[in-house]
Amino acid sequence: MLLQAVASIVDQKNPGLITLERSVNKRPAGRIYVDAHQNSRGQSLAAVYSVRAFPHAPVSVPLTLKELTAKMIPGMWTIKSMPSRIEKLGDLWAEFWRTRQNLDVLQKH
């Protein structure tokens, strides 16, 4: 439910950026799919920096907010491009477990 609240706020502030549509055939082209159902205990997810089983070996990467645009293309980061990305930006995931998130503001929405 928390991810659905976050997705709702993102959608309100950035109309047309994301979709919650589960059916691939019904998803609007060019939108980021937010899978609110996958965000719960016991669900399998691709770990950060994991290579995906698709052509060109795309990699699951953490993004900066500036990268999260309509021009972003899923699969643009691959096993070949990751070393230069990490060299340029550093490990964007390094502080994840050290930073506590506070989503109390969502209780107001």
Foldseek 3Di string as FASTA:
>chain_A
DLLVLVVVVCCVVPPPAADQDPDPVPDDPLHHHDPPVQPDPPHDDADAQAFDPDPQGAGHHDDDPVQSDSPNDRRPHHPVNVVVVCVVPNRPCVCVVVDDDDPVVSVVD
